[in-house]
Amino acid sequence: MGWFSRRGGRRGTGPAGRSDGPKMEIDRRAVEQHLRAFVDSRLGVEAYVEPATSVTTTTIVLIAWDGEWTRRAVGSPKEGFELSQRLGIPAYDVNQTGYPNRMREWSRRRRQGDA
């Protein structure tokens, strides 16, 4: 496969509907369904909105009271905060608050096989 055939032509048009990166397509319905199921099956869930980077779009991390967490792409900070409002959970800007220690502890326990 040649360079130009991979990129979609000389003009850099590229394939539509990226599956990764900051301009990726997001199945918003599937994201909301997954996050709602997480909220409905756990206690004390809070949302943390993460900014977009050069390789990822804006994401939201839901963290339960015991530190269990899940992350999904949401497209923009506004969408992340609106989604958390629809889910009925508090939301924080991770740049302002950081992550709670319980998230790191849960991840550590899981790596060690204790979670």
N, C-alpha and C. Protein backbone atom coordinates (compact mmCIF):
# COMPACT_ATOMS: atom_id res chain seq x y z
N MET A 1 0.86 -1.17 0.00
CA MET A 1 0.00 0.00 0.00
C MET A 1 0.90 1.23 0.00
N GLY A 2 0.60 2.16 -0.86
CA GLY A 2 1.39 3.38 -0.97
C GLY A 2 0.97 4.43 0.05
N TRP A 3 1.83 5.40 0.21
CA TRP A 3 1.60 6.48 1.17
C TRP A 3 0.31 7.24 0.84
N PHE A 4 0.15 7.62 -0.43
CA PHE A 4 -1.01 8.44 -0.77
C PHE A 4 -2.31 7.66 -0.71
N SER A 5 -2.29 6.37 -1.01
CA SER A 5 -3.53 5.59 -0.92
C SER A 5 -3.97 5.44 0.53
N ARG A 6 -3.03 5.39 1.47
CA ARG A 6 -3.40 5.31 2.89
C ARG A 6 -3.99 6.60 3.40
N ARG A 7 -3.47 7.70 2.92
CA ARG A 7 -3.91 8.99 3.42
C ARG A 7 -5.16 9.51 2.72
N GLY A 8 -5.61 8.83 1.69
CA GLY A 8 -6.84 9.26 1.03
C GLY A 8 -6.61 10.26 -0.08
N GLY A 9 -5.41 10.37 -0.57
CA GLY A 9 -5.14 11.28 -1.69
C GLY A 9 -4.15 12.35 -1.32
N ARG A 10 -3.73 13.09 -2.34
CA ARG A 10 -2.72 14.12 -2.15
C ARG A 10 -3.23 15.30 -1.32
N ARG A 11 -4.48 15.55 -1.36
CA ARG A 11 -5.00 16.72 -0.66
C ARG A 11 -5.19 16.47 0.83
N GLY A 12 -4.85 15.27 1.30
CA GLY A 12 -4.96 14.99 2.72
C GLY A 12 -6.40 14.86 3.20
N THR A 13 -7.29 14.46 2.29
CA THR A 13 -8.69 14.36 2.68
C THR A 13 -8.89 13.27 3.72
N GLY A 14 -8.12 12.19 3.65
CA GLY A 14 -8.16 11.14 4.66
C GLY A 14 -9.52 10.48 4.76
N PRO A 15 -9.57 9.35 5.39
CA PRO A 15 -10.85 8.65 5.54
C PRO A 15 -11.76 9.37 6.52
N ALA A 16 -13.04 9.34 6.23
CA ALA A 16 -14.01 9.96 7.13
C ALA A 16 -14.22 9.07 8.35
N GLY A 17 -14.59 9.67 9.46
CA GLY A 17 -14.94 8.90 10.65
C GLY A 17 -13.76 8.24 11.32
N ARG A 18 -12.86 9.04 11.84
CA ARG A 18 -11.69 8.49 12.53
C ARG A 18 -12.11 7.67 13.73
N SER A 19 -11.37 6.61 14.01
CA SER A 19 -11.69 5.78 15.16
C SER A 19 -10.79 6.09 16.35
N ASP A 20 -9.88 7.04 16.19
CA ASP A 20 -9.02 7.45 17.29
C ASP A 20 -8.62 8.91 17.08
N GLY A 21 -7.97 9.47 18.09
CA GLY A 21 -7.49 10.83 17.98
C GLY A 21 -8.53 11.87 18.34
N PRO A 22 -8.11 13.14 18.32
CA PRO A 22 -9.00 14.21 18.77
C PRO A 22 -10.22 14.43 17.88
N LYS A 23 -10.18 13.98 16.63
CA LYS A 23 -11.33 14.17 15.73
C LYS A 23 -12.08 12.87 15.48
N MET A 24 -11.97 11.94 16.41
CA MET A 24 -12.61 10.65 16.24
C MET A 24 -14.13 10.76 16.28
N GLU A 25 -14.81 9.84 15.62
CA GLU A 25 -16.26 9.78 15.72
C GLU A 25 -16.62 9.12 17.04
N ILE A 26 -17.68 9.60 17.67
CA ILE A 26 -18.09 9.07 18.96
C ILE A 26 -19.54 8.60 18.85
N ASP A 27 -19.79 7.39 19.25
CA ASP A 27 -21.16 6.87 19.32
C ASP A 27 -21.72 7.33 20.66
N ARG A 28 -22.28 8.51 20.67
CA ARG A 28 -22.72 9.15 21.91
C ARG A 28 -23.79 8.33 22.64
N ARG A 29 -24.64 7.68 21.88
CA ARG A 29 -25.67 6.85 22.52
C ARG A 29 -25.05 5.68 23.26
N ALA A 30 -24.09 5.02 22.63
CA ALA A 30 -23.41 3.89 23.28
C ALA A 30 -22.62 4.35 24.50
N VAL A 31 -22.00 5.52 24.40
CA VAL A 31 -21.25 6.07 25.53
C VAL A 31 -22.19 6.31 26.70
N GLU A 32 -23.31 6.97 26.44
CA GLU A 32 -24.25 7.27 27.52
C GLU A 32 -24.82 5.99 28.12
N GLN A 33 -25.12 4.99 27.30
CA GLN A 33 -25.64 3.73 27.81
C GLN A 33 -24.62 3.06 28.73
N HIS A 34 -23.35 3.04 28.31
CA HIS A 34 -22.31 2.42 29.14
C HIS A 34 -22.16 3.16 30.47
N LEU A 35 -22.12 4.48 30.40
CA LEU A 35 -21.93 5.26 31.63
C LEU A 35 -23.15 5.16 32.54
N ARG A 36 -24.34 5.14 31.96
CA ARG A 36 -25.56 5.00 32.78
C ARG A 36 -25.55 3.65 33.50
N ALA A 37 -25.14 2.60 32.79
CA ALA A 37 -25.06 1.27 33.42
C ALA A 37 -24.05 1.28 34.56
N PHE A 38 -22.95 1.98 34.39
CA PHE A 38 -21.94 2.09 35.44
C PHE A 38 -22.53 2.81 36.66
N VAL A 39 -23.19 3.93 36.42
CA VAL A 39 -23.80 4.71 37.51
C VAL A 39 -24.87 3.90 38.22
N ASP A 40 -25.69 3.21 37.48
CA ASP A 40 -26.80 2.46 38.06
C ASP A 40 -26.35 1.25 38.87
N SER A 41 -25.15 0.76 38.61
CA SER A 41 -24.70 -0.46 39.29
C SER A 41 -23.63 -0.21 40.36
N ARG A 42 -23.34 1.04 40.64
CA ARG A 42 -22.32 1.36 41.64
C ARG A 42 -22.77 2.52 42.51
N LEU A 43 -22.15 2.65 43.68
CA LEU A 43 -22.49 3.72 44.60
C LEU A 43 -21.48 4.86 44.52
N GLY A 44 -21.95 6.06 44.83
CA GLY A 44 -21.06 7.21 44.98
C GLY A 44 -20.26 7.58 43.76
N VAL A 45 -20.85 7.50 42.58
CA VAL A 45 -20.12 7.77 41.35
C VAL A 45 -19.98 9.28 41.11
N GLU A 46 -18.78 9.69 40.73
CA GLU A 46 -18.49 11.07 40.36
C GLU A 46 -17.84 11.06 38.99
N ALA A 47 -18.00 12.18 38.26
CA ALA A 47 -17.43 12.31 36.92
C ALA A 47 -16.25 13.28 36.95
N TYR A 48 -15.23 12.95 36.18
CA TYR A 48 -14.06 13.82 36.02
C TYR A 48 -13.86 14.01 34.52
N VAL A 49 -13.97 15.26 34.07
CA VAL A 49 -13.83 15.57 32.65
C VAL A 49 -12.37 15.86 32.36
N GLU A 50 -11.83 15.11 31.38
CA GLU A 50 -10.41 15.23 31.01
C GLU A 50 -10.31 16.00 29.70
N PRO A 51 -9.33 16.89 29.58
CA PRO A 51 -9.20 17.69 28.35
C PRO A 51 -8.70 16.85 27.18
N ALA A 52 -8.97 17.34 25.99
CA ALA A 52 -8.44 16.71 24.78
C ALA A 52 -6.92 16.90 24.76
N THR A 53 -6.25 15.97 24.13
CA THR A 53 -4.80 16.08 23.91
C THR A 53 -4.55 15.99 22.43
N SER A 54 -3.29 15.95 22.04
CA SER A 54 -2.97 15.84 20.61
C SER A 54 -3.33 14.47 20.06
N VAL A 55 -3.56 13.50 20.92
CA VAL A 55 -3.89 12.14 20.45
C VAL A 55 -5.25 11.63 20.90
N THR A 56 -5.94 12.33 21.79
CA THR A 56 -7.26 11.89 22.25
C THR A 56 -8.22 13.06 22.27
N THR A 57 -9.48 12.74 22.16
CA THR A 57 -10.52 13.76 22.30
C THR A 57 -10.80 13.94 23.79
N THR A 58 -11.69 14.85 24.14
CA THR A 58 -12.10 15.03 25.53
C THR A 58 -12.74 13.74 26.03
N THR A 59 -12.41 13.36 27.24
CA THR A 59 -12.97 12.14 27.82
C THR A 59 -13.58 12.44 29.18
N ILE A 60 -14.39 11.50 29.63
CA ILE A 60 -14.98 11.58 30.96
C ILE A 60 -14.65 10.28 31.68
N VAL A 61 -14.22 10.42 32.93
CA VAL A 61 -13.92 9.26 33.77
C VAL A 61 -14.94 9.24 34.88
N LEU A 62 -15.63 8.12 35.04
CA LEU A 62 -16.54 7.95 36.16
C LEU A 62 -15.84 7.11 37.20
N ILE A 63 -15.88 7.57 38.45
CA ILE A 63 -15.19 6.89 39.54
C ILE A 63 -16.18 6.62 40.66
N ALA A 64 -16.31 5.34 41.03
CA ALA A 64 -17.23 4.94 42.10
C ALA A 64 -16.57 5.15 43.46
N TRP A 65 -17.34 4.95 44.53
CA TRP A 65 -16.85 5.19 45.89
C TRP A 65 -15.65 4.32 46.23
N ASP A 66 -15.56 3.11 45.65
CA ASP A 66 -14.45 2.21 45.97
C ASP A 66 -13.25 2.41 45.04
N GLY A 67 -13.35 3.36 44.09
CA GLY A 67 -12.25 3.65 43.19
C GLY A 67 -12.36 3.01 41.83
N GLU A 68 -13.31 2.08 41.66
CA GLU A 68 -13.49 1.48 40.34
C GLU A 68 -13.84 2.59 39.36
N TRP A 69 -13.29 2.51 38.16
CA TRP A 69 -13.51 3.60 37.22
C TRP A 69 -13.68 3.08 35.79
N THR A 70 -14.24 3.96 34.96
CA THR A 70 -14.38 3.70 33.53
C THR A 70 -14.20 5.02 32.81
N ARG A 71 -13.71 4.95 31.57
CA ARG A 71 -13.43 6.17 30.78
C ARG A 71 -14.04 6.02 29.40
N ARG A 72 -14.62 7.10 28.91
CA ARG A 72 -15.19 7.13 27.56
C ARG A 72 -14.97 8.51 26.94
N ALA A 73 -14.87 8.55 25.63
CA ALA A 73 -14.73 9.79 24.88
C ALA A 73 -16.08 10.50 24.85
N VAL A 74 -16.04 11.84 24.97
CA VAL A 74 -17.27 12.61 24.93
C VAL A 74 -17.24 13.75 23.91
N GLY A 75 -16.09 14.09 23.38
CA GLY A 75 -16.02 15.10 22.34
C GLY A 75 -15.64 16.49 22.79
N SER A 76 -16.24 16.98 23.86
CA SER A 76 -15.92 18.33 24.35
C SER A 76 -16.21 18.39 25.85
N PRO A 77 -15.56 19.34 26.55
CA PRO A 77 -15.85 19.50 27.98
C PRO A 77 -17.33 19.79 28.23
N LYS A 78 -17.93 20.61 27.39
CA LYS A 78 -19.35 20.93 27.56
C LYS A 78 -20.20 19.66 27.51
N GLU A 79 -19.91 18.78 26.54
CA GLU A 79 -20.67 17.53 26.43
C GLU A 79 -20.44 16.65 27.66
N GLY A 80 -19.23 16.66 28.19
CA GLY A 80 -18.93 15.86 29.38
C GLY A 80 -19.73 16.33 30.59
N PHE A 81 -19.79 17.63 30.79
CA PHE A 81 -20.54 18.17 31.92
C PHE A 81 -22.05 17.99 31.74
N GLU A 82 -22.52 18.15 30.50
CA GLU A 82 -23.95 17.93 30.24
C GLU A 82 -24.32 16.46 30.46
N LEU A 83 -23.46 15.55 30.04
CA LEU A 83 -23.71 14.12 30.23
C LEU A 83 -23.78 13.78 31.71
N SER A 84 -22.85 14.30 32.49
CA SER A 84 -22.88 14.00 33.93
C SER A 84 -24.14 14.56 34.57
N GLN A 85 -24.61 15.68 34.08
CA GLN A 85 -25.86 16.25 34.60
C GLN A 85 -27.03 15.32 34.28
N ARG A 86 -27.08 14.79 33.05
CA ARG A 86 -28.14 13.85 32.68
C ARG A 86 -28.06 12.58 33.52
N LEU A 87 -26.85 12.17 33.88
CA LEU A 87 -26.68 10.98 34.70
C LEU A 87 -26.98 11.26 36.18
N GLY A 88 -27.08 12.53 36.54
CA GLY A 88 -27.40 12.91 37.91
C GLY A 88 -26.24 12.74 38.88
N ILE A 89 -25.02 12.96 38.39
CA ILE A 89 -23.84 12.81 39.25
C ILE A 89 -23.01 14.09 39.21
N PRO A 90 -22.24 14.35 40.27
CA PRO A 90 -21.38 15.53 40.26
C PRO A 90 -20.25 15.37 39.25
N ALA A 91 -19.83 16.50 38.68
CA ALA A 91 -18.74 16.48 37.70
C ALA A 91 -17.68 17.51 38.08
N TYR A 92 -16.44 17.16 37.80
CA TYR A 92 -15.31 18.01 38.12
C TYR A 92 -14.39 18.11 36.91
N ASP A 93 -13.72 19.24 36.79
CA ASP A 93 -12.69 19.42 35.78
C ASP A 93 -11.41 18.84 36.37
N VAL A 94 -10.88 17.79 35.76
CA VAL A 94 -9.72 17.11 36.33
C VAL A 94 -8.50 18.03 36.41
N ASN A 95 -8.44 19.07 35.56
CA ASN A 95 -7.33 20.02 35.65
C ASN A 95 -7.41 20.85 36.93
N GLN A 96 -8.61 20.99 37.47
CA GLN A 96 -8.79 21.77 38.69
C GLN A 96 -8.68 20.92 39.95
N THR A 97 -9.14 19.69 39.88
CA THR A 97 -9.23 18.86 41.09
C THR A 97 -8.24 17.71 41.15
N GLY A 98 -7.76 17.25 40.00
CA GLY A 98 -6.95 16.03 39.97
C GLY A 98 -7.87 14.83 40.17
N TYR A 99 -7.26 13.65 40.25
CA TYR A 99 -8.02 12.41 40.45
C TYR A 99 -8.03 12.06 41.93
N PRO A 100 -9.10 11.44 42.41
CA PRO A 100 -9.13 11.03 43.81
C PRO A 100 -8.18 9.84 44.04
N ASN A 101 -7.62 9.78 45.22
CA ASN A 101 -6.69 8.69 45.56
C ASN A 101 -7.33 7.32 45.42
N ARG A 102 -8.63 7.24 45.66
CA ARG A 102 -9.28 5.92 45.60
C ARG A 102 -9.17 5.31 44.21
N MET A 103 -9.08 6.14 43.17
CA MET A 103 -8.92 5.62 41.81
C MET A 103 -7.56 4.94 41.66
N ARG A 104 -6.52 5.61 42.13
CA ARG A 104 -5.16 5.03 42.05
C ARG A 104 -5.06 3.77 42.88
N GLU A 105 -5.67 3.78 44.06
CA GLU A 105 -5.62 2.60 44.92
C GLU A 105 -6.34 1.42 44.29
N TRP A 106 -7.50 1.66 43.69
CA TRP A 106 -8.23 0.59 43.03
C TRP A 106 -7.41 0.00 41.88
N SER A 107 -6.78 0.88 41.09
CA SER A 107 -5.95 0.41 39.97
C SER A 107 -4.75 -0.39 40.48
N ARG A 108 -4.15 0.06 41.57
CA ARG A 108 -3.02 -0.67 42.15
C ARG A 108 -3.46 -2.05 42.62
N ARG A 109 -4.58 -2.11 43.33
CA ARG A 109 -5.10 -3.39 43.81
C ARG A 109 -5.42 -4.33 42.65
N ARG A 110 -5.97 -3.77 41.60
CA ARG A 110 -6.32 -4.60 40.44
C ARG A 110 -5.07 -5.18 39.78
N ARG A 111 -4.04 -4.36 39.65
CA ARG A 111 -2.78 -4.86 39.08
C ARG A 111 -2.20 -5.99 39.93
N GLN A 112 -2.39 -5.88 41.23
CA GLN A 112 -1.86 -6.89 42.15
C GLN A 112 -2.82 -8.08 42.30
N GLY A 113 -3.98 -8.00 41.68
CA GLY A 113 -4.93 -9.10 41.72
C GLY A 113 -5.83 -9.11 42.94
N ASP A 114 -5.91 -7.98 43.65
CA ASP A 114 -6.73 -7.91 44.86
C ASP A 114 -8.11 -7.27 44.65
N ALA A 115 -8.35 -6.69 43.47
CA ALA A 115 -9.61 -5.98 43.26
C ALA A 115 -10.68 -6.87 42.68
